[in-house]
Amino acid sequence: MGDLRVAVIGTGVISEALVKNLALLGVDGIDAIGGDFWETLSLGRLQDYECAVTVVDDPESRLKLNQMCLIAGTDLVTVSVDGRWVTVECFPFGSSANPACLECNLPDEAYVRIAECYTSEGLRRKTHAVTADADGVAPFAADAAGAAAAEAAHGLSHEESPPARRRVLDAIAGTSSITRLERREQCPVCEPFQMTPRVVRTRNRWSPRVEGIPGDRQHVDQALRLSDGLITRYECKACGPLLEAANFVNRRAAEFDDSITQCPRCGAPEVHVEIRDTFLLGELMERFGDTPVPAKYATTDSPGGPVCFDLEAVVPS
């Protein structure tokens, strides 16, 4: 148990109680990571943990962490509290072969919540306020932390090939039920990864290189999907191309909100913003050359199975 490494993601009383519970269970390697894990936690660092436990409540953030853990081969435990009900979901990406992921059983309401945050072009609405962490005054924080810590320290690490599962605890009655979570066919997260992807730590530079990916010219038609959507076009419907496009194009769409659709020339909300996350390797080489792509990682298919390029790895030039 002392060798187990667990990342606790999120802030508030539940995450604090989680750290204490894990320590009491004998886990020595515990790191508390804030709710902004997308900015602070690299794929390579995530691979150093056996399990990540999150109290972050925003469904979009959970989906991002779900894919990161699947790629990294790190078990994922999610915790949520709704009144008297505590829900703990476990996804053993590192402990089992091809388990269900979080999105396999995601309710439709979560997609609705995410869609409400964005415009049709994919920009976050300025008026949307992100609720990233679980309720900091949740009356059943101790129950949630205890159940999640038990799964992270014992359920996933001690079972042989544990299934993905959901545990619902009635914190008042003290009863609980466990449901096995099944993998869904054509799940948008699982489907591209029928086998665990090979993670390659590479330099984030895109000029041609002789020795291989990402610069080998024979791979220019290889399609890569980035972990982050990038703005690829910024043009006013009335004014046409804008010099100000240089402030937005080839940057992460997540850096901006829908206020950028107001034209800096005519003042009308007529700017068309194109956002993409899938590119041919040749396109990335043309767009970025010796500059880094603003993304955490990129995934692609290869004859040997899926491959993920860790773009935040420190690799000598």
C-alpha atoms as a PDB file:
ATOM      1  CA  MET A   1       0.000   0.000   0.000  1.00  0.00           C
ATOM      2  CA  GLY A   2       2.873   2.347   0.729  1.00  0.00           C
ATOM      3  CA  ASP A   3       4.027   2.099  -2.888  1.00  0.00           C
ATOM      4  CA  LEU A   4       0.634   3.205  -4.239  1.00  0.00           C
ATOM      5  CA  ARG A   5       0.620   6.668  -5.823  1.00  0.00           C
ATOM      6  CA  VAL A   6      -2.695   8.536  -5.972  1.00  0.00           C
ATOM      7  CA  ALA A   7      -3.513  11.950  -7.448  1.00  0.00           C
ATOM      8  CA  VAL A   8      -6.414  13.756  -5.750  1.00  0.00           C
ATOM      9  CA  ILE A   9      -7.867  16.267  -8.218  1.00  0.00           C
ATOM     10  CA  GLY A  10     -10.054  19.167  -7.143  1.00  0.00           C
ATOM     11  CA  THR A  11     -10.397  21.427  -4.111  1.00  0.00           C
ATOM     12  CA  GLY A  12     -12.715  21.729  -1.131  1.00  0.00           C
ATOM     13  CA  VAL A  13     -13.589  19.720   1.937  1.00  0.00           C
ATOM     14  CA  ILE A  14     -14.123  16.458   0.055  1.00  0.00           C
ATOM     15  CA  SER A  15     -10.652  16.516  -1.506  1.00  0.00           C
ATOM     16  CA  GLU A  16      -9.129  17.430   1.863  1.00  0.00           C
ATOM     17  CA  ALA A  17     -10.970  14.542   3.518  1.00  0.00           C
ATOM     18  CA  LEU A  18      -9.840  12.242   0.706  1.00  0.00           C
ATOM     19  CA  VAL A  19      -6.185  13.011   1.343  1.00  0.00           C
ATOM     20  CA  LYS A  20      -6.634  12.276   5.057  1.00  0.00           C
ATOM     21  CA  ASN A  21      -8.540   9.026   4.413  1.00  0.00           C
ATOM     22  CA  LEU A  22      -5.948   7.756   1.954  1.00  0.00           C
ATOM     23  CA  ALA A  23      -3.160   8.524   4.423  1.00  0.00           C
ATOM     24  CA  LEU A  24      -5.027   6.647   7.184  1.00  0.00           C
ATOM     25  CA  LEU A  25      -5.318   3.657   4.839  1.00  0.00           C
ATOM     26  CA  GLY A  26      -1.530   3.601   4.493  1.00  0.00           C
ATOM     27  CA  VAL A  27      -1.096   5.304   1.117  1.00  0.00           C
ATOM     28  CA  ASP A  28       2.175   7.244   1.189  1.00  0.00           C
ATOM     29  CA  GLY A  29       2.249   8.664  -2.344  1.00  0.00           C
ATOM     30  CA  ILE A  30      -0.602  11.207  -2.326  1.00  0.00           C
ATOM     31  CA  ASP A  31      -0.484  14.401  -4.388  1.00  0.00           C
ATOM     32  CA  ALA A  32      -3.226  17.047  -4.143  1.00  0.00           C
ATOM     33  CA  ILE A  33      -3.804  18.668  -7.537  1.00  0.00           C
ATOM     34  CA  GLY A  34      -6.124  21.622  -8.060  1.00  0.00           C
ATOM     35  CA  GLY A  35      -9.175  21.712 -10.265  1.00  0.00           C
ATOM     36  CA  ASP A  36      -7.178  23.262 -13.118  1.00  0.00           C
ATOM     37  CA  PHE A  37      -5.474  19.920 -13.826  1.00  0.00           C
ATOM     38  CA  TRP A  38      -5.660  20.487 -17.593  1.00  0.00           C
ATOM     39  CA  GLU A  39      -3.136  23.291 -17.160  1.00  0.00           C
ATOM     40  CA  THR A  40      -0.946  21.685 -14.508  1.00  0.00           C
ATOM     41  CA  LEU A  41      -1.024  17.899 -14.978  1.00  0.00           C
ATOM     42  CA  SER A  42       0.828  16.475 -17.972  1.00  0.00           C
ATOM     43  CA  LEU A  43       0.078  13.083 -19.498  1.00  0.00           C
ATOM     44  CA  GLY A  44       3.560  11.871 -18.563  1.00  0.00           C
ATOM     45  CA  ARG A  45       3.106  12.868 -14.930  1.00  0.00           C
ATOM     46  CA  LEU A  46      -0.326  11.212 -14.822  1.00  0.00           C
ATOM     47  CA  GLN A  47       1.302   7.948 -15.913  1.00  0.00           C
ATOM     48  CA  ASP A  48       3.321   8.006 -12.684  1.00  0.00           C
ATOM     49  CA  TYR A  49       0.144   7.443 -10.646  1.00  0.00           C
ATOM     50  CA  GLU A  50      -1.715   4.166 -10.182  1.00  0.00           C
ATOM     51  CA  CYS A  51      -4.980   6.050  -9.577  1.00  0.00           C
ATOM     52  CA  ALA A  52      -6.495   9.520  -9.971  1.00  0.00           C
ATOM     53  CA  VAL A  53      -9.464  10.471  -7.765  1.00  0.00           C
ATOM     54  CA  THR A  54     -11.456  13.545  -8.754  1.00  0.00           C
ATOM     55  CA  VAL A  55     -14.086  15.606  -6.976  1.00  0.00           C
ATOM     56  CA  VAL A  56     -14.333  18.052  -9.897  1.00  0.00           C
ATOM     57  CA  ASP A  57     -18.023  18.314 -10.725  1.00  0.00           C
ATOM     58  CA  ASP A  58     -17.928  19.958 -14.164  1.00  0.00           C
ATOM     59  CA  PRO A  59     -18.869  17.211 -16.690  1.00  0.00           C
ATOM     60  CA  GLU A  60     -16.565  18.555 -19.398  1.00  0.00           C
ATOM     61  CA  SER A  61     -13.581  18.479 -17.043  1.00  0.00           C
ATOM     62  CA  ARG A  62     -14.465  14.923 -16.061  1.00  0.00           C
ATOM     63  CA  LEU A  63     -14.588  13.873 -19.704  1.00  0.00           C
ATOM     64  CA  LYS A  64     -11.140  15.358 -20.310  1.00  0.00           C
ATOM     65  CA  LEU A  65      -9.705  13.554 -17.297  1.00  0.00           C
ATOM     66  CA  ASN A  66     -11.457  10.353 -18.380  1.00  0.00           C
ATOM     67  CA  GLN A  67      -9.648  10.372 -21.730  1.00  0.00           C
ATOM     68  CA  MET A  68      -6.323  11.306 -20.132  1.00  0.00           C
ATOM     69  CA  CYS A  69      -6.549   8.406 -17.679  1.00  0.00           C
ATOM     70  CA  LEU A  70      -7.569   5.970 -20.420  1.00  0.00           C
ATOM     71  CA  ILE A  71      -4.547   6.957 -22.515  1.00  0.00           C
ATOM     72  CA  ALA A  72      -2.188   6.996 -19.527  1.00  0.00           C
ATOM     73  CA  GLY A  73      -3.416   3.631 -18.233  1.00  0.00           C
ATOM     74  CA  THR A  74      -4.224   5.179 -14.848  1.00  0.00           C
ATOM     75  CA  ASP A  75      -7.236   4.056 -12.814  1.00  0.00           C
ATOM     76  CA  LEU A  76      -9.887   6.765 -12.405  1.00  0.00           C
ATOM     77  CA  VAL A  77     -12.288   7.273  -9.477  1.00  0.00           C
ATOM     78  CA  THR A  78     -14.926  10.018  -9.626  1.00  0.00           C
ATOM     79  CA  VAL A  79     -16.821  11.315  -6.594  1.00  0.00           C
ATOM     80  CA  SER A  80     -20.038  13.333  -6.505  1.00  0.00           C
ATOM     81  CA  VAL A  81     -22.564  14.299  -3.822  1.00  0.00           C
ATOM     82  CA  ASP A  82     -26.229  15.057  -4.487  1.00  0.00           C
ATOM     83  CA  GLY A  83     -28.107  15.644  -1.261  1.00  0.00           C
ATOM     84  CA  ARG A  84     -27.880  12.465   0.813  1.00  0.00           C
ATOM     85  CA  TRP A  85     -26.595  10.422  -2.115  1.00  0.00           C
ATOM     86  CA  VAL A  86     -22.886   9.843  -2.640  1.00  0.00           C
ATOM     87  CA  THR A  87     -21.843   8.366  -5.983  1.00  0.00           C
ATOM     88  CA  VAL A  88     -18.419   6.856  -6.570  1.00  0.00           C
ATOM     89  CA  GLU A  89     -17.561   5.569 -10.043  1.00  0.00           C
ATOM     90  CA  CYS A  90     -14.452   3.485 -10.750  1.00  0.00           C
ATOM     91  CA  PHE A  91     -12.790   3.014 -14.127  1.00  0.00           C
ATOM     92  CA  PRO A  92      -9.843   0.578 -13.906  1.00  0.00           C
ATOM     93  CA  PHE A  93      -7.895   1.694 -16.973  1.00  0.00           C
ATOM     94  CA  GLY A  94      -4.643   0.404 -15.507  1.00  0.00           C
ATOM     95  CA  SER A  95      -6.002  -2.615 -13.638  1.00  0.00           C
ATOM     96  CA  SER A  96      -8.192  -4.258 -16.308  1.00  0.00           C
ATOM     97  CA  ALA A  97      -8.259  -4.788 -20.053  1.00  0.00           C
ATOM     98  CA  ASN A  98     -10.810  -2.689 -21.979  1.00  0.00           C
ATOM     99  CA  PRO A  99     -13.089  -1.602 -19.121  1.00  0.00           C
ATOM    100  CA  ALA A 100     -15.968   0.800 -19.624  1.00  0.00           C
ATOM    101  CA  CYS A 101     -15.008   4.471 -19.476  1.00  0.00           C
ATOM    102  CA  LEU A 102     -16.927   7.356 -17.941  1.00  0.00           C
ATOM    103  CA  GLU A 103     -18.543   8.330 -21.243  1.00  0.00           C
ATOM    104  CA  CYS A 104     -19.856   4.799 -21.855  1.00  0.00           C
ATOM    105  CA  ASN A 105     -22.576   5.437 -19.266  1.00  0.00           C
ATOM    106  CA  LEU A 106     -22.801   9.225 -19.271  1.00  0.00           C
ATOM    107  CA  PRO A 107     -26.397  10.491 -18.909  1.00  0.00           C
ATOM    108  CA  ASP A 108     -27.828  12.761 -21.590  1.00  0.00           C
ATOM    109  CA  GLU A 109     -28.174  15.593 -19.073  1.00  0.00           C
ATOM    110  CA  ALA A 110     -24.375  15.889 -18.927  1.00  0.00           C
ATOM    111  CA  TYR A 111     -24.209  16.518 -22.674  1.00  0.00           C
ATOM    112  CA  VAL A 112     -26.946  19.120 -22.322  1.00  0.00           C
ATOM    113  CA  ARG A 113     -24.988  20.886 -19.573  1.00  0.00           C
ATOM    114  CA  ILE A 114     -21.883  20.970 -21.749  1.00  0.00           C
ATOM    115  CA  ALA A 115     -23.747  22.152 -24.863  1.00  0.00           C
ATOM    116  CA  GLU A 116     -25.304  25.033 -22.928  1.00  0.00           C
ATOM    117  CA  CYS A 117     -21.818  26.393 -22.251  1.00  0.00           C
ATOM    118  CA  TYR A 118     -20.888  26.810 -25.925  1.00  0.00           C
ATOM    119  CA  THR A 119     -21.968  28.580 -29.092  1.00  0.00           C
ATOM    120  CA  SER A 120     -22.581  26.675 -32.316  1.00  0.00           C
ATOM    121  CA  GLU A 121     -19.036  27.548 -33.371  1.00  0.00           C
ATOM    122  CA  GLY A 122     -17.573  25.965 -30.254  1.00  0.00           C
ATOM    123  CA  LEU A 123     -16.642  29.059 -28.236  1.00  0.00           C
ATOM    124  CA  ARG A 124     -17.435  29.157 -24.547  1.00  0.00           C
ATOM    125  CA  ARG A 125     -20.234  31.589 -23.730  1.00  0.00           C
ATOM    126  CA  LYS A 126     -18.957  34.549 -21.746  1.00  0.00           C
ATOM    127  CA  THR A 127     -21.975  34.417 -19.461  1.00  0.00           C
ATOM    128  CA  HIS A 128     -21.281  30.820 -18.464  1.00  0.00           C
ATOM    129  CA  ALA A 129     -19.778  30.332 -15.024  1.00  0.00           C
ATOM    130  CA  VAL A 130     -17.833  27.096 -14.551  1.00  0.00           C
ATOM    131  CA  THR A 131     -18.512  25.157 -11.373  1.00  0.00           C
ATOM    132  CA  ALA A 132     -15.389  23.071 -11.264  1.00  0.00           C
ATOM    133  CA  ASP A 133     -15.346  21.581  -7.776  1.00  0.00           C
ATOM    134  CA  ALA A 134     -17.683  19.623  -5.585  1.00  0.00           C
ATOM    135  CA  ASP A 135     -19.687  21.598  -3.017  1.00  0.00           C
ATOM    136  CA  GLY A 136     -17.208  22.856  -0.442  1.00  0.00           C
ATOM    137  CA  VAL A 137     -19.791  22.613   2.347  1.00  0.00           C
ATOM    138  CA  ALA A 138     -21.213  19.216   1.422  1.00  0.00           C
ATOM    139  CA  PRO A 139     -22.605  17.737   4.656  1.00  0.00           C
ATOM    140  CA  PHE A 140     -21.627  14.229   3.587  1.00  0.00           C
ATOM    141  CA  ALA A 141     -18.049  15.007   2.562  1.00  0.00           C
ATOM    142  CA  ALA A 142     -16.652  12.443   4.994  1.00  0.00           C
ATOM    143  CA  ASP A 143     -18.875   9.697   3.556  1.00  0.00           C
ATOM    144  CA  ALA A 144     -17.858  10.591   0.015  1.00  0.00           C
ATOM    145  CA  ALA A 145     -14.175  10.706   0.894  1.00  0.00           C
ATOM    146  CA  GLY A 146     -14.307   7.418   2.773  1.00  0.00           C
ATOM    147  CA  ALA A 147     -16.019   5.557  -0.066  1.00  0.00           C
ATOM    148  CA  ALA A 148     -13.685   6.976  -2.717  1.00  0.00           C
ATOM    149  CA  ALA A 149     -10.553   6.319  -0.663  1.00  0.00           C
ATOM    150  CA  ALA A 150     -11.615   2.711  -0.091  1.00  0.00           C
ATOM    151  CA  GLU A 151     -12.067   2.157  -3.829  1.00  0.00           C
ATOM    152  CA  ALA A 152      -8.770   3.822  -4.722  1.00  0.00           C
ATOM    153  CA  ALA A 153      -6.709   2.096  -2.037  1.00  0.00           C
ATOM    154  CA  HIS A 154      -8.362  -1.316  -1.916  1.00  0.00           C
ATOM    155  CA  GLY A 155     -11.057  -1.950  -4.522  1.00  0.00           C
ATOM    156  CA  LEU A 156      -9.003  -1.164  -7.613  1.00  0.00           C
ATOM    157  CA  SER A 157      -5.490  -1.929  -6.404  1.00  0.00           C
ATOM    158  CA  HIS A 158      -6.210  -5.273  -4.722  1.00  0.00           C
ATOM    159  CA  GLU A 159      -8.734  -6.895  -7.093  1.00  0.00           C
ATOM    160  CA  GLU A 160      -7.627  -8.867 -10.113  1.00  0.00           C
ATOM    161  CA  SER A 161      -9.140  -7.324 -13.286  1.00  0.00           C
ATOM    162  CA  PRO A 162     -11.841  -5.337 -11.473  1.00  0.00           C
ATOM    163  CA  PRO A 163     -14.819  -4.192 -13.572  1.00  0.00           C
ATOM    164  CA  ALA A 164     -15.874  -0.580 -14.031  1.00  0.00           C
ATOM    165  CA  ARG A 165     -18.571   0.065 -11.455  1.00  0.00           C
ATOM    166  CA  ARG A 166     -20.766   2.637  -9.749  1.00  0.00           C
ATOM    167  CA  ARG A 167     -21.308   2.640  -6.005  1.00  0.00           C
ATOM    168  CA  VAL A 168     -24.227   4.700  -4.654  1.00  0.00           C
ATOM    169  CA  LEU A 169     -24.262   5.357  -0.933  1.00  0.00           C
ATOM    170  CA  ASP A 170     -27.214   6.618   1.069  1.00  0.00           C
ATOM    171  CA  ALA A 171     -25.293   8.667   3.621  1.00  0.00           C
ATOM    172  CA  ILE A 172     -28.290   8.898   5.973  1.00  0.00           C
ATOM    173  CA  ALA A 173     -29.408   5.272   5.955  1.00  0.00           C
ATOM    174  CA  GLY A 174     -25.844   3.962   5.679  1.00  0.00           C
ATOM    175  CA  THR A 175     -26.752   1.571   2.859  1.00  0.00           C
ATOM    176  CA  SER A 176     -25.122   1.255  -0.551  1.00  0.00           C
ATOM    177  CA  SER A 177     -25.539  -0.510  -3.875  1.00  0.00           C
ATOM    178  CA  ILE A 178     -23.010  -1.410  -6.564  1.00  0.00           C
ATOM    179  CA  THR A 179     -23.721  -1.555 -10.305  1.00  0.00           C
ATOM    180  CA  ARG A 180     -21.335  -2.931 -12.902  1.00  0.00           C
ATOM    181  CA  LEU A 181     -20.731  -0.458 -15.755  1.00  0.00           C
ATOM    182  CA  GLU A 182     -20.602  -1.987 -19.215  1.00  0.00           C
ATOM    183  CA  ARG A 183     -18.553  -0.759 -22.129  1.00  0.00           C
ATOM    184  CA  ARG A 184     -20.668   0.874 -24.846  1.00  0.00           C
ATOM    185  CA  GLU A 185     -20.106   0.119 -28.506  1.00  0.00           C
ATOM    186  CA  GLN A 186     -19.094   3.176 -30.548  1.00  0.00           C
ATOM    187  CA  CYS A 187     -18.318   5.170 -27.420  1.00  0.00           C
ATOM    188  CA  PRO A 188     -16.554   8.311 -28.722  1.00  0.00           C
ATOM    189  CA  VAL A 189     -13.737   7.834 -26.184  1.00  0.00           C
ATOM    190  CA  CYS A 190     -13.314   4.058 -26.134  1.00  0.00           C
ATOM    191  CA  GLU A 191     -13.924   3.319 -29.817  1.00  0.00           C
ATOM    192  CA  PRO A 192     -10.592   4.771 -31.074  1.00  0.00           C
ATOM    193  CA  PHE A 193      -8.728   2.825 -28.376  1.00  0.00           C
ATOM    194  CA  GLN A 194      -9.655  -0.830 -28.793  1.00  0.00           C
ATOM    195  CA  MET A 195      -6.235  -1.461 -27.301  1.00  0.00           C
ATOM    196  CA  THR A 196      -4.212   0.657 -24.876  1.00  0.00           C
ATOM    197  CA  PRO A 197      -2.447   3.368 -26.900  1.00  0.00           C
ATOM    198  CA  ARG A 198       1.330   3.499 -26.993  1.00  0.00           C
ATOM    199  CA  VAL A 199       2.468   6.801 -25.478  1.00  0.00           C
ATOM    200  CA  VAL A 200       5.454   8.416 -27.188  1.00  0.00           C
ATOM    201  CA  ARG A 201       7.146  11.353 -25.498  1.00  0.00           C
ATOM    202  CA  THR A 202       8.247  13.623 -28.290  1.00  0.00           C
ATOM    203  CA  ARG A 203       9.465  17.124 -28.867  1.00  0.00           C
ATOM    204  CA  ASN A 204       6.694  19.574 -29.725  1.00  0.00           C
ATOM    205  CA  ARG A 205       8.309  20.892 -32.906  1.00  0.00           C
ATOM    206  CA  TRP A 206       6.989  20.325 -36.408  1.00  0.00           C
ATOM    207  CA  SER A 207       9.737  21.098 -38.914  1.00  0.00           C
ATOM    208  CA  PRO A 208      10.812  18.128 -41.103  1.00  0.00           C
ATOM    209  CA  ARG A 209      13.196  15.686 -39.464  1.00  0.00           C
ATOM    210  CA  VAL A 210      14.865  12.655 -41.001  1.00  0.00           C
ATOM    211  CA  GLU A 211      14.599  10.295 -38.040  1.00  0.00           C
ATOM    212  CA  GLY A 212      10.823  10.038 -37.742  1.00  0.00           C
ATOM    213  CA  ILE A 213       7.586  11.340 -36.288  1.00  0.00           C
ATOM    214  CA  PRO A 214       6.562  14.099 -36.045  1.00  0.00           C
ATOM    215  CA  GLY A 215       8.700  15.416 -38.910  1.00  0.00           C
ATOM    216  CA  ASP A 216       9.201  12.547 -41.357  1.00  0.00           C
ATOM    217  CA  ARG A 217       7.888  13.662 -44.764  1.00  0.00           C
ATOM    218  CA  GLN A 218       6.476  10.221 -45.565  1.00  0.00           C
ATOM    219  CA  HIS A 219       3.906  10.748 -42.815  1.00  0.00           C
ATOM    220  CA  VAL A 220       2.538  14.117 -43.975  1.00  0.00           C
ATOM    221  CA  ASP A 221      -0.878  12.635 -44.749  1.00  0.00           C
ATOM    222  CA  GLN A 222      -1.218  11.024 -41.321  1.00  0.00           C
ATOM    223  CA  ALA A 223      -4.249  12.385 -39.437  1.00  0.00           C
ATOM    224  CA  LEU A 224      -3.724  13.487 -35.835  1.00  0.00           C
ATOM    225  CA  ARG A 225      -6.364  14.509 -33.334  1.00  0.00           C
ATOM    226  CA  LEU A 226      -5.242  17.094 -30.802  1.00  0.00           C
ATOM    227  CA  SER A 227      -6.352  17.134 -27.192  1.00  0.00           C
ATOM    228  CA  ASP A 228      -7.308  20.812 -27.597  1.00  0.00           C
ATOM    229  CA  GLY A 229      -9.355  22.527 -30.303  1.00  0.00           C
ATOM    230  CA  LEU A 230      -7.461  25.284 -32.123  1.00  0.00           C
ATOM    231  CA  ILE A 231      -8.784  28.381 -33.848  1.00  0.00           C
ATOM    232  CA  THR A 232      -7.911  27.992 -37.527  1.00  0.00           C
ATOM    233  CA  ARG A 233      -9.869  30.867 -39.072  1.00  0.00           C
ATOM    234  CA  TYR A 234     -10.986  34.309 -37.868  1.00  0.00           C
ATOM    235  CA  GLU A 235     -12.817  36.418 -40.450  1.00  0.00           C
ATOM    236  CA  CYS A 236     -15.612  38.982 -40.347  1.00  0.00           C
ATOM    237  CA  LYS A 237     -18.601  38.198 -42.564  1.00  0.00           C
ATOM    238  CA  ALA A 238     -18.921  41.896 -43.374  1.00  0.00           C
ATOM    239  CA  CYS A 239     -15.308  43.140 -43.402  1.00  0.00           C
ATOM    240  CA  GLY A 240     -13.615  40.008 -44.725  1.00  0.00           C
ATOM    241  CA  PRO A 241     -10.111  38.923 -43.595  1.00  0.00           C
ATOM    242  CA  LEU A 242      -8.824  40.750 -40.522  1.00  0.00           C
ATOM    243  CA  LEU A 243      -5.275  41.599 -39.515  1.00  0.00           C
ATOM    244  CA  GLU A 244      -6.379  40.919 -35.949  1.00  0.00           C
ATOM    245  CA  ALA A 245      -6.722  37.236 -36.885  1.00  0.00           C
ATOM    246  CA  ALA A 246      -3.050  36.838 -35.937  1.00  0.00           C
ATOM    247  CA  ASN A 247      -4.116  37.310 -32.298  1.00  0.00           C
ATOM    248  CA  PHE A 248      -6.359  34.241 -32.419  1.00  0.00           C
ATOM    249  CA  VAL A 249      -5.420  31.804 -35.205  1.00  0.00           C
ATOM    250  CA  ASN A 250      -3.361  28.759 -34.139  1.00  0.00           C
ATOM    251  CA  ARG A 251      -4.207  29.332 -30.485  1.00  0.00           C
ATOM    252  CA  ARG A 252      -6.371  27.193 -28.204  1.00  0.00           C
ATOM    253  CA  ALA A 253     -10.050  28.025 -28.471  1.00  0.00           C
ATOM    254  CA  ALA A 254     -10.330  27.506 -24.702  1.00  0.00           C
ATOM    255  CA  GLU A 255      -8.332  30.715 -24.177  1.00  0.00           C
ATOM    256  CA  PHE A 256     -11.240  32.802 -25.495  1.00  0.00           C
ATOM    257  CA  ASP A 257     -14.997  33.169 -25.195  1.00  0.00           C
ATOM    258  CA  ASP A 258     -17.711  34.287 -27.615  1.00  0.00           C
ATOM    259  CA  SER A 259     -16.882  37.968 -27.078  1.00  0.00           C
ATOM    260  CA  ILE A 260     -14.213  37.612 -29.796  1.00  0.00           C
ATOM    261  CA  THR A 261     -16.980  37.265 -32.407  1.00  0.00           C
ATOM    262  CA  GLN A 262     -17.489  41.038 -32.190  1.00  0.00           C
ATOM    263  CA  CYS A 263     -15.576  42.486 -35.125  1.00  0.00           C
ATOM    264  CA  PRO A 264     -12.737  44.829 -34.058  1.00  0.00           C
ATOM    265  CA  ARG A 265     -13.400  46.876 -37.230  1.00  0.00           C
ATOM    266  CA  CYS A 266     -17.157  47.269 -37.670  1.00  0.00           C
ATOM    267  CA  GLY A 267     -18.183  46.330 -34.131  1.00  0.00           C
ATOM    268  CA  ALA A 268     -20.832  43.860 -35.283  1.00  0.00           C
ATOM    269  CA  PRO A 269     -20.974  40.307 -33.871  1.00  0.00           C
ATOM    270  CA  GLU A 270     -20.241  38.945 -37.334  1.00  0.00           C
ATOM    271  CA  VAL A 271     -16.839  37.270 -36.980  1.00  0.00           C
ATOM    272  CA  HIS A 272     -16.738  33.667 -38.127  1.00  0.00           C
ATOM    273  CA  VAL A 273     -14.449  31.569 -35.916  1.00  0.00           C
ATOM    274  CA  GLU A 274     -13.429  28.128 -37.175  1.00  0.00           C
ATOM    275  CA  ILE A 275     -12.249  25.629 -34.562  1.00  0.00           C
ATOM    276  CA  ARG A 276     -10.628  22.284 -35.363  1.00  0.00           C
ATOM    277  CA  ASP A 277      -8.935  19.513 -33.418  1.00  0.00           C
ATOM    278  CA  THR A 278      -8.030  17.161 -36.283  1.00  0.00           C
ATOM    279  CA  PHE A 279      -5.219  17.890 -38.738  1.00  0.00           C
ATOM    280  CA  LEU A 280      -2.962  16.161 -41.208  1.00  0.00           C
ATOM    281  CA  LEU A 281       0.629  16.053 -40.040  1.00  0.00           C
ATOM    282  CA  GLY A 282       1.591  18.140 -43.080  1.00  0.00           C
ATOM    283  CA  GLU A 283      -0.870  20.854 -41.990  1.00  0.00           C
ATOM    284  CA  LEU A 284       0.674  21.042 -38.536  1.00  0.00           C
ATOM    285  CA  MET A 285       4.137  21.252 -40.076  1.00  0.00           C
ATOM    286  CA  GLU A 286       3.031  24.179 -42.249  1.00  0.00           C
ATOM    287  CA  ARG A 287       1.211  25.970 -39.429  1.00  0.00           C
ATOM    288  CA  PHE A 288       3.756  25.579 -36.647  1.00  0.00           C
ATOM    289  CA  GLY A 289       7.185  24.594 -37.988  1.00  0.00           C
ATOM    290  CA  ASP A 290       9.673  25.093 -35.147  1.00  0.00           C
ATOM    291  CA  THR A 291       7.039  26.437 -32.762  1.00  0.00           C
ATOM    292  CA  PRO A 292       5.044  24.178 -30.395  1.00  0.00           C
ATOM    293  CA  VAL A 293       1.430  23.212 -30.973  1.00  0.00           C
ATOM    294  CA  PRO A 294      -0.687  24.505 -28.037  1.00  0.00           C
ATOM    295  CA  ALA A 295      -2.010  21.072 -27.047  1.00  0.00           C
ATOM    296  CA  LYS A 296      -1.283  18.501 -24.363  1.00  0.00           C
ATOM    297  CA  TYR A 297      -1.126  15.507 -26.685  1.00  0.00           C
ATOM    298  CA  ALA A 298      -2.072  14.183 -30.116  1.00  0.00           C
ATOM    299  CA  THR A 299      -3.469  10.759 -31.000  1.00  0.00           C
ATOM    300  CA  THR A 300      -3.339   8.829 -34.259  1.00  0.00           C
ATOM    301  CA  ASP A 301      -3.835   5.339 -35.673  1.00  0.00           C
ATOM    302  CA  SER A 302      -0.924   3.216 -36.809  1.00  0.00           C
ATOM    303  CA  PRO A 303      -0.592  -0.350 -38.167  1.00  0.00           C
ATOM    304  CA  GLY A 304       0.440  -1.445 -34.678  1.00  0.00           C
ATOM    305  CA  GLY A 305      -2.492   0.220 -32.935  1.00  0.00           C
ATOM    306  CA  PRO A 306      -3.307   3.678 -31.535  1.00  0.00           C
ATOM    307  CA  VAL A 307      -0.438   5.996 -30.668  1.00  0.00           C
ATOM    308  CA  CYS A 308      -0.464   9.066 -28.436  1.00  0.00           C
ATOM    309  CA  PHE A 309       2.245  11.723 -28.707  1.00  0.00           C
ATOM    310  CA  ASP A 310       2.860  13.455 -25.392  1.00  0.00           C
ATOM    311  CA  LEU A 311       3.540  17.037 -26.499  1.00  0.00           C
ATOM    312  CA  GLU A 312       4.382  18.276 -23.005  1.00  0.00           C
ATOM    313  CA  ALA A 313       7.291  15.887 -22.542  1.00  0.00           C
ATOM    314  CA  VAL A 314      10.743  17.394 -22.165  1.00  0.00           C
ATOM    315  CA  VAL A 315      12.802  15.818 -24.942  1.00  0.00           C
ATOM    316  CA  PRO A 316      16.197  17.108 -26.089  1.00  0.00           C
ATOM    317  CA  SER A 317      16.073  18.914 -29.448  1.00  0.00           C
END
